[in-house]
Amino acid sequence: MQEQTPLQHGSAEEELSWQERALCAQTDPEAFFPEKGGSTREAKKVCLVCEVRADCLTYALEHDERFGIWGGLSERERRRLKKRAV
């Protein structure tokens, strides 16, 4: 039996481990990347009950994700959030 080693703090694997638990991974990805002017309502409903919503939003803000719904926020909402933080 092979011994498993713990993930190093801050490693890429640890940083992205939240994605495996994200509800969007079990949902139609097109809902999270709607056409311009398309509804974001369904994606945001999924985000509201997702246990990794905060991790997702943090990732999007740190990596300057410009498209899609991340952590329950649209591109425009994330831009506003970043401006308020400055």
Protein backbone atom coordinates (compact mmCIF):
# COMPACT_ATOMS: atom_id res chain seq x y z
CA MET A 1 0.00 0.00 0.00
CA GLN A 2 1.35 3.37 -1.02
CA GLU A 3 1.46 6.08 1.64
CA GLN A 4 -0.22 9.32 0.64
CA THR A 5 1.57 12.54 1.37
CA PRO A 6 -0.40 15.56 2.54
CA LEU A 7 -0.72 18.46 0.16
CA GLN A 8 1.71 21.27 0.75
CA HIS A 9 -0.03 24.41 1.97
CA GLY A 10 -0.59 26.73 -0.96
CA SER A 11 0.09 24.08 -3.60
CA ALA A 12 -1.87 24.21 -6.85
CA GLU A 13 -3.70 20.99 -5.93
CA GLU A 14 -4.80 22.39 -2.59
CA GLU A 15 -5.73 25.74 -4.08
CA LEU A 16 -8.10 24.12 -6.58
CA SER A 17 -9.46 21.30 -4.39
CA TRP A 18 -12.63 23.33 -3.76
CA GLN A 19 -13.56 22.90 -7.43
CA GLU A 20 -14.24 19.21 -6.90
CA ARG A 21 -16.98 20.11 -4.40
CA ALA A 22 -18.45 22.97 -6.44
CA LEU A 23 -22.08 22.48 -7.46
CA CYS A 24 -21.40 24.06 -10.84
CA ALA A 25 -19.21 21.08 -11.69
CA GLN A 26 -22.40 18.99 -11.58
CA THR A 27 -24.48 21.49 -13.58
CA ASP A 28 -24.67 22.68 -17.17
CA PRO A 29 -21.59 24.90 -17.59
CA GLU A 30 -23.36 27.08 -20.14
CA ALA A 31 -25.54 28.46 -17.34
CA PHE A 32 -22.41 29.97 -15.79
CA PHE A 33 -21.20 31.53 -19.04
CA PRO A 34 -24.35 33.03 -20.57
CA GLU A 35 -24.40 34.89 -23.87
CA LYS A 36 -24.10 38.66 -23.55
CA GLY A 37 -27.41 39.89 -22.17
CA GLY A 38 -28.42 36.36 -21.16
CA SER A 39 -29.88 35.50 -17.78
CA THR A 40 -27.61 34.71 -14.85
CA ARG A 41 -30.50 33.78 -12.57
CA GLU A 42 -30.14 29.97 -12.74
CA ALA A 43 -26.38 30.05 -12.14
CA LYS A 44 -26.76 32.38 -9.17
CA LYS A 45 -29.39 30.09 -7.65
CA VAL A 46 -26.88 27.23 -7.74
CA CYS A 47 -24.20 29.44 -6.19
CA LEU A 48 -26.48 30.45 -3.30
CA VAL A 49 -26.48 26.91 -1.91
CA CYS A 50 -22.93 25.94 -2.87
CA GLU A 51 -20.58 25.18 0.03
CA VAL A 52 -17.51 26.56 -1.78
CA ARG A 53 -19.01 29.83 -2.95
CA ALA A 54 -16.51 31.96 -0.99
CA ASP A 55 -13.54 29.94 -2.32
CA CYS A 56 -14.87 30.35 -5.84
CA LEU A 57 -15.27 34.10 -5.52
CA THR A 58 -11.83 34.47 -3.96
CA TYR A 59 -10.30 32.48 -6.82
CA ALA A 60 -12.07 34.63 -9.44
CA LEU A 61 -10.93 37.87 -7.82
CA GLU A 62 -7.34 36.71 -7.34
CA HIS A 63 -7.08 35.40 -10.92
CA ASP A 64 -8.97 38.30 -12.51
CA GLU A 65 -11.59 36.04 -14.11
CA ARG A 66 -13.34 38.25 -16.63
CA PHE A 67 -16.10 35.95 -17.84
CA GLY A 68 -18.85 33.94 -16.25
CA ILE A 69 -20.50 33.63 -12.87
CA TRP A 70 -18.02 32.95 -10.07
CA GLY A 71 -18.99 32.82 -6.41
CA GLY A 72 -22.47 34.01 -7.30
CA LEU A 73 -21.32 37.24 -8.95
CA SER A 74 -21.27 38.33 -12.58
CA GLU A 75 -18.33 40.04 -14.27
CA ARG A 76 -19.85 43.46 -13.60
CA GLU A 77 -20.55 42.65 -9.94
CA ARG A 78 -16.97 41.43 -9.41
CA ARG A 79 -15.58 44.60 -10.99
CA ARG A 80 -17.70 46.73 -8.63
CA LEU A 81 -16.55 44.66 -5.66
CA LYS A 82 -12.90 45.14 -6.63
CA LYS A 83 -13.36 48.90 -7.08
CA ARG A 84 -14.92 49.21 -3.61
CA ALA A 85 -12.02 47.26 -2.11
CA VAL A 86 -9.47 49.74 -3.52
